[in-house]
Amino acid sequence: MRTYIGGHQAVSATDFVELALGTPVELWLGMEGESEMERAARLDAARDILADHPNLPDDVSRVAAEAIEAFAPELFDVTPLVRRPVVRRRPRRGKAVAA
C-alpha cells in the first residue's frame, strides 16, 4: 500500500513529517557536523519561513498533539500532583540573636 500526500509519496516517518511541515526536518533540527556558516544560513531560512507563516508553530503543535492522541493517547493521561500546604515559620519575638 502506498501513501500519497498532496501528490507526494510518503515512504517513511520522516517523509510524513516533512510533508506535514512543508519543510525538511533538518531545517529545524540541524545536521550533525554543520559549519557555523551552514547553521547561520539554516537559521536565517527558518526565520524567513516563520515570518511568512506565523501560525506554523501552532499548526505543528496541533499536528503533534493529534498524532499523540491517535497513536499514544496514554501520554495525555495526566495525574494531578497533590500539593502540600506551605507552612511558614514565624520568627520568634523577644529573643535576640547573639552575634
C-alpha atoms as a PDB file:
ATOM      1  CA  MET A   1       0.000   0.000   0.000  1.00  0.00           C
ATOM      2  CA  ARG A   2       1.325   3.412  -0.934  1.00  0.00           C
ATOM      3  CA  THR A   3       0.514   6.660   0.802  1.00  0.00           C
ATOM      4  CA  TYR A   4       0.358   9.941  -1.081  1.00  0.00           C
ATOM      5  CA  ILE A   5       0.017  13.357   0.473  1.00  0.00           C
ATOM      6  CA  GLY A   6      -0.605  16.229  -1.898  1.00  0.00           C
ATOM      7  CA  GLY A   7       0.730  14.211  -4.821  1.00  0.00           C
ATOM      8  CA  HIS A   8       3.919  13.199  -2.969  1.00  0.00           C
ATOM      9  CA  GLN A   9       4.565   9.636  -1.884  1.00  0.00           C
ATOM     10  CA  ALA A  10       5.432   9.230   1.782  1.00  0.00           C
ATOM     11  CA  VAL A  11       7.519   6.124   2.410  1.00  0.00           C
ATOM     12  CA  SER A  12       8.898   6.865   5.884  1.00  0.00           C
ATOM     13  CA  ALA A  13       8.011   8.675   9.081  1.00  0.00           C
ATOM     14  CA  THR A  14      10.410  11.449   8.064  1.00  0.00           C
ATOM     15  CA  ASP A  15       8.538  11.867   4.776  1.00  0.00           C
ATOM     16  CA  PHE A  16       5.265  12.282   6.680  1.00  0.00           C
ATOM     17  CA  VAL A  17       6.803  14.908   8.972  1.00  0.00           C
ATOM     18  CA  GLU A  18       8.345  16.814   6.057  1.00  0.00           C
ATOM     19  CA  LEU A  19       5.063  16.779   4.150  1.00  0.00           C
ATOM     20  CA  ALA A  20       3.144  17.906   7.251  1.00  0.00           C
ATOM     21  CA  LEU A  21       5.596  20.732   7.934  1.00  0.00           C
ATOM     22  CA  GLY A  22       6.186  21.628   4.323  1.00  0.00           C
ATOM     23  CA  THR A  23       9.922  21.803   5.073  1.00  0.00           C
ATOM     24  CA  PRO A  24      12.708  19.310   5.671  1.00  0.00           C
ATOM     25  CA  VAL A  25      13.152  18.288   9.302  1.00  0.00           C
ATOM     26  CA  GLU A  26      16.843  19.191   9.126  1.00  0.00           C
ATOM     27  CA  LEU A  27      15.902  22.852   8.644  1.00  0.00           C
ATOM     28  CA  TRP A  28      14.568  22.955  12.209  1.00  0.00           C
ATOM     29  CA  LEU A  29      16.806  20.416  13.912  1.00  0.00           C
ATOM     30  CA  GLY A  30      20.080  20.958  12.097  1.00  0.00           C
ATOM     31  CA  MET A  31      22.530  18.329  10.990  1.00  0.00           C
ATOM     32  CA  GLU A  32      25.471  16.818  12.780  1.00  0.00           C
ATOM     33  CA  GLY A  33      28.718  18.402  11.712  1.00  0.00           C
ATOM     34  CA  GLU A  34      27.231  21.504  10.107  1.00  0.00           C
ATOM     35  CA  SER A  35      29.551  24.503   9.949  1.00  0.00           C
ATOM     36  CA  GLU A  36      28.794  27.844  11.610  1.00  0.00           C
ATOM     37  CA  MET A  37      28.062  29.305   8.176  1.00  0.00           C
ATOM     38  CA  GLU A  38      25.642  26.456   7.340  1.00  0.00           C
ATOM     39  CA  ARG A  39      23.967  26.863  10.727  1.00  0.00           C
ATOM     40  CA  ALA A  40      23.568  30.622  10.217  1.00  0.00           C
ATOM     41  CA  ALA A  41      22.066  30.062   6.759  1.00  0.00           C
ATOM     42  CA  ARG A  42      19.695  27.387   8.103  1.00  0.00           C
ATOM     43  CA  LEU A  43      18.513  29.611  10.957  1.00  0.00           C
ATOM     44  CA  ASP A  44      18.082  32.533   8.562  1.00  0.00           C
ATOM     45  CA  ALA A  45      15.908  30.385   6.281  1.00  0.00           C
ATOM     46  CA  ALA A  46      13.880  29.198   9.286  1.00  0.00           C
ATOM     47  CA  ARG A  47      13.305  32.813  10.391  1.00  0.00           C
ATOM     48  CA  ASP A  48      12.108  33.692   6.875  1.00  0.00           C
ATOM     49  CA  ILE A  49       9.667  30.767   6.886  1.00  0.00           C
ATOM     50  CA  LEU A  50       8.320  31.735  10.310  1.00  0.00           C
ATOM     51  CA  ALA A  51       7.927  35.351   9.169  1.00  0.00           C
ATOM     52  CA  ASP A  52       5.926  34.183   6.128  1.00  0.00           C
ATOM     53  CA  HIS A  53       3.897  31.650   8.147  1.00  0.00           C
ATOM     54  CA  PRO A  54       3.404  32.998  11.680  1.00  0.00           C
ATOM     55  CA  ASN A  55       0.882  30.234  12.516  1.00  0.00           C
ATOM     56  CA  LEU A  56       3.356  27.447  11.732  1.00  0.00           C
ATOM     57  CA  PRO A  57       4.345  26.764  15.386  1.00  0.00           C
ATOM     58  CA  ASP A  58       0.671  26.461  16.366  1.00  0.00           C
ATOM     59  CA  ASP A  59      -0.033  24.200  13.381  1.00  0.00           C
ATOM     60  CA  VAL A  60       2.923  21.973  14.223  1.00  0.00           C
ATOM     61  CA  SER A  61       1.805  21.750  17.859  1.00  0.00           C
ATOM     62  CA  ARG A  62      -1.693  20.796  16.735  1.00  0.00           C
ATOM     63  CA  VAL A  63      -0.405  18.106  14.354  1.00  0.00           C
ATOM     64  CA  ALA A  64       1.877  16.715  17.087  1.00  0.00           C
ATOM     65  CA  ALA A  65      -0.983  16.636  19.606  1.00  0.00           C
ATOM     66  CA  GLU A  66      -3.254  14.894  17.110  1.00  0.00           C
ATOM     67  CA  ALA A  67      -0.562  12.309  16.360  1.00  0.00           C
ATOM     68  CA  ILE A  68      -0.019  11.653  20.069  1.00  0.00           C
ATOM     69  CA  GLU A  69      -3.751  11.364  20.635  1.00  0.00           C
ATOM     70  CA  ALA A  70      -4.070   8.895  17.749  1.00  0.00           C
ATOM     71  CA  PHE A  71      -1.025   6.721  18.423  1.00  0.00           C
ATOM     72  CA  ALA A  72      -0.067   7.185  22.093  1.00  0.00           C
ATOM     73  CA  PRO A  73      -3.072   8.580  23.973  1.00  0.00           C
ATOM     74  CA  GLU A  74      -1.657   7.375  27.298  1.00  0.00           C
ATOM     75  CA  LEU A  75       0.797  10.292  27.080  1.00  0.00           C
ATOM     76  CA  PHE A  76      -2.146  12.594  27.718  1.00  0.00           C
ATOM     77  CA  ASP A  77      -3.137  10.707  30.890  1.00  0.00           C
ATOM     78  CA  VAL A  78      -2.186  13.267  33.491  1.00  0.00           C
ATOM     79  CA  THR A  79      -2.208  12.561  37.182  1.00  0.00           C
ATOM     80  CA  PRO A  80      -2.575  15.699  39.251  1.00  0.00           C
ATOM     81  CA  LEU A  81       0.076  16.109  41.886  1.00  0.00           C
ATOM     82  CA  VAL A  82      -1.089  16.750  45.425  1.00  0.00           C
ATOM     83  CA  ARG A  83       0.473  19.909  46.744  1.00  0.00           C
ATOM     84  CA  ARG A  84       1.242  20.061  50.410  1.00  0.00           C
ATOM     85  CA  PRO A  85       0.311  23.329  52.080  1.00  0.00           C
ATOM     86  CA  VAL A  86       3.190  25.676  52.635  1.00  0.00           C
ATOM     87  CA  VAL A  87       3.998  26.074  56.308  1.00  0.00           C
ATOM     88  CA  ARG A  88       5.603  29.377  57.060  1.00  0.00           C
ATOM     89  CA  ARG A  89       7.604  29.743  60.216  1.00  0.00           C
ATOM     90  CA  ARG A  90       7.133  32.874  62.181  1.00  0.00           C
ATOM     91  CA  PRO A  91      10.213  34.418  63.700  1.00  0.00           C
ATOM     92  CA  ARG A  92      10.279  34.236  67.498  1.00  0.00           C
ATOM     93  CA  ARG A  93       9.698  37.571  69.116  1.00  0.00           C
ATOM     94  CA  GLY A  94      11.617  38.849  72.054  1.00  0.00           C
ATOM     95  CA  LYS A  95      14.672  36.668  71.585  1.00  0.00           C
ATOM     96  CA  ALA A  96      17.832  38.375  70.485  1.00  0.00           C
ATOM     97  CA  VAL A  97      20.254  36.513  68.299  1.00  0.00           C
ATOM     98  CA  ALA A  98      23.806  36.529  69.648  1.00  0.00           C
ATOM     99  CA  ALA A  99      26.411  37.614  67.144  1.00  0.00           C
END
